[in-house]
Protein backbone atom coordinates (compact mmCIF):
# COMPACT_ATOMS: atom_id res chain seq x y z
CA UNK A 1 90.01 111.44 114.12
CA UNK A 2 87.59 111.46 110.99
CA UNK A 3 84.68 113.53 110.74
CA UNK A 4 81.22 112.28 108.99
CA UNK A 5 82.59 112.83 105.53
CA UNK A 6 85.84 111.18 105.84
CA UNK A 7 86.42 107.67 105.35
CA UNK A 8 89.62 105.44 106.12
CA UNK A 9 90.89 103.90 103.06
CA UNK A 10 92.80 100.77 102.65
CA UNK A 11 95.90 100.28 100.42
CA UNK A 12 93.79 98.64 97.79
CA UNK A 13 91.03 101.29 97.89
CA UNK A 14 93.69 104.14 97.47
CA UNK A 15 95.66 102.75 94.60
CA UNK A 16 92.27 101.98 92.89
CA UNK A 17 91.56 105.59 93.36
CA UNK A 18 94.98 106.66 91.87
CA UNK A 19 94.28 104.25 88.89
CA UNK A 20 90.99 105.92 88.30
CA UNK A 21 92.37 109.26 88.33
CA UNK A 22 94.98 108.35 85.90
CA UNK A 23 92.85 106.42 83.59
CA UNK A 24 90.14 108.94 83.69
CA UNK A 25 92.66 111.42 82.23
CA UNK A 26 93.21 113.82 85.05
CA UNK A 27 89.73 115.34 85.39
CA UNK A 28 89.24 118.35 87.38
CA UNK A 29 87.51 116.10 90.10
CA UNK A 30 90.74 113.60 89.69
CA UNK A 31 93.10 116.79 90.36
CA UNK A 32 91.29 117.62 93.42
CA UNK A 33 91.49 114.22 94.84
CA UNK A 34 95.06 114.55 94.14
CA UNK A 35 95.68 117.71 96.11
CA UNK A 36 93.39 116.08 98.79
CA UNK A 37 95.97 113.15 99.13
CA UNK A 38 98.96 115.58 99.01
CA UNK A 39 97.67 117.61 101.96
CA UNK A 40 96.70 114.22 103.75
CA UNK A 41 100.08 112.96 102.90
CA UNK A 42 101.94 116.16 104.19
CA UNK A 43 99.81 116.34 107.25
CA UNK A 44 100.67 112.80 108.10
CA UNK A 45 97.01 111.27 107.82
CA UNK A 46 98.25 109.55 104.78
CA UNK A 47 101.16 107.20 105.11
CA UNK A 48 102.97 105.48 102.00
CA UNK A 49 104.06 102.17 103.42
CA UNK A 50 106.89 102.03 101.27
CA UNK A 51 108.45 105.21 102.54
CA UNK A 52 110.48 105.04 105.77
CA UNK A 53 109.48 107.88 108.07
CA UNK A 54 112.57 109.86 106.82
CA UNK A 55 111.64 109.44 103.26
CA UNK A 56 107.86 110.27 104.08
CA UNK A 57 109.13 113.54 105.80
CA UNK A 58 111.71 114.40 102.88
CA UNK A 59 108.84 113.92 100.51
CA UNK A 60 106.58 116.19 102.35
CA UNK A 61 109.26 118.92 102.67
CA UNK A 62 109.32 118.93 98.87
CA UNK A 63 105.65 120.08 98.60
CA UNK A 64 102.45 118.98 97.29
CA UNK A 65 103.79 118.80 93.80
CA UNK A 66 106.55 116.45 94.93
CA UNK A 67 104.03 114.28 96.83
CA UNK A 68 101.78 113.98 93.86
CA UNK A 69 104.77 113.17 91.58
CA UNK A 70 105.64 110.42 93.89
CA UNK A 71 102.27 108.97 94.25
CA UNK A 72 101.82 108.93 90.54
CA UNK A 73 105.10 107.07 90.03
CA UNK A 74 104.03 104.82 92.73
CA UNK A 75 100.84 104.18 90.86
CA UNK A 76 102.64 102.79 87.88
CA UNK A 77 103.85 100.13 89.98
CA UNK A 78 101.47 97.17 90.58
CA UNK A 79 103.56 96.03 93.72
CA UNK A 80 101.95 98.92 95.75
CA UNK A 81 98.39 97.21 95.20
CA UNK A 82 99.67 93.99 96.89
CA UNK A 83 101.90 95.77 99.46
CA UNK A 84 99.41 95.90 102.58
CA UNK A 85 100.22 93.33 105.36
CA UNK A 86 103.74 92.61 104.21
CA UNK A 87 107.02 93.37 105.61
CA UNK A 88 109.17 95.92 104.06
CA UNK A 89 111.91 93.37 103.44
CA UNK A 90 109.24 91.29 101.48
CA UNK A 91 108.16 94.48 99.51
CA UNK A 92 111.61 95.54 98.60
CA UNK A 93 112.12 91.71 97.30
CA UNK A 94 108.91 91.74 95.42
CA UNK A 95 110.03 95.37 93.93
CA UNK A 96 113.43 93.78 92.95
CA UNK A 97 111.96 90.98 91.06
CA UNK A 98 109.59 93.26 89.28
CA UNK A 99 112.58 95.65 88.21
CA UNK A 100 114.83 92.61 87.29
CA UNK A 101 112.06 91.38 84.94
CA UNK A 102 111.59 94.57 83.47
CA UNK A 103 115.61 94.85 82.80
CA UNK A 104 115.40 91.50 81.24
CA UNK A 105 112.56 92.42 78.99
CA UNK A 106 114.12 95.96 78.10
CA UNK A 107 117.54 94.65 77.19
CA UNK A 108 118.67 94.10 73.64
């Protein structure tokens, strides 16, 4: 259930919002949004599709600071932006390819 001031966000909208918070330099408004996202995550109104239900619960149990850190870490990974509508296995393969390319680029 949503009140008249709440709107549903799709995956792309959410990660665009996270990117704006980061690029905006963590303004007071951005920090308020992060707190709101953490509250929504903990109350299961916001689902991070890359987490299994067990991971979602564990992250929530860590409190809002842990949730915010996890979301910020996820925002650094552009595969999250494209994750909507693909299976967990496909998403993991996509992530593995991205990590492998980073390792190759960072290797001496």
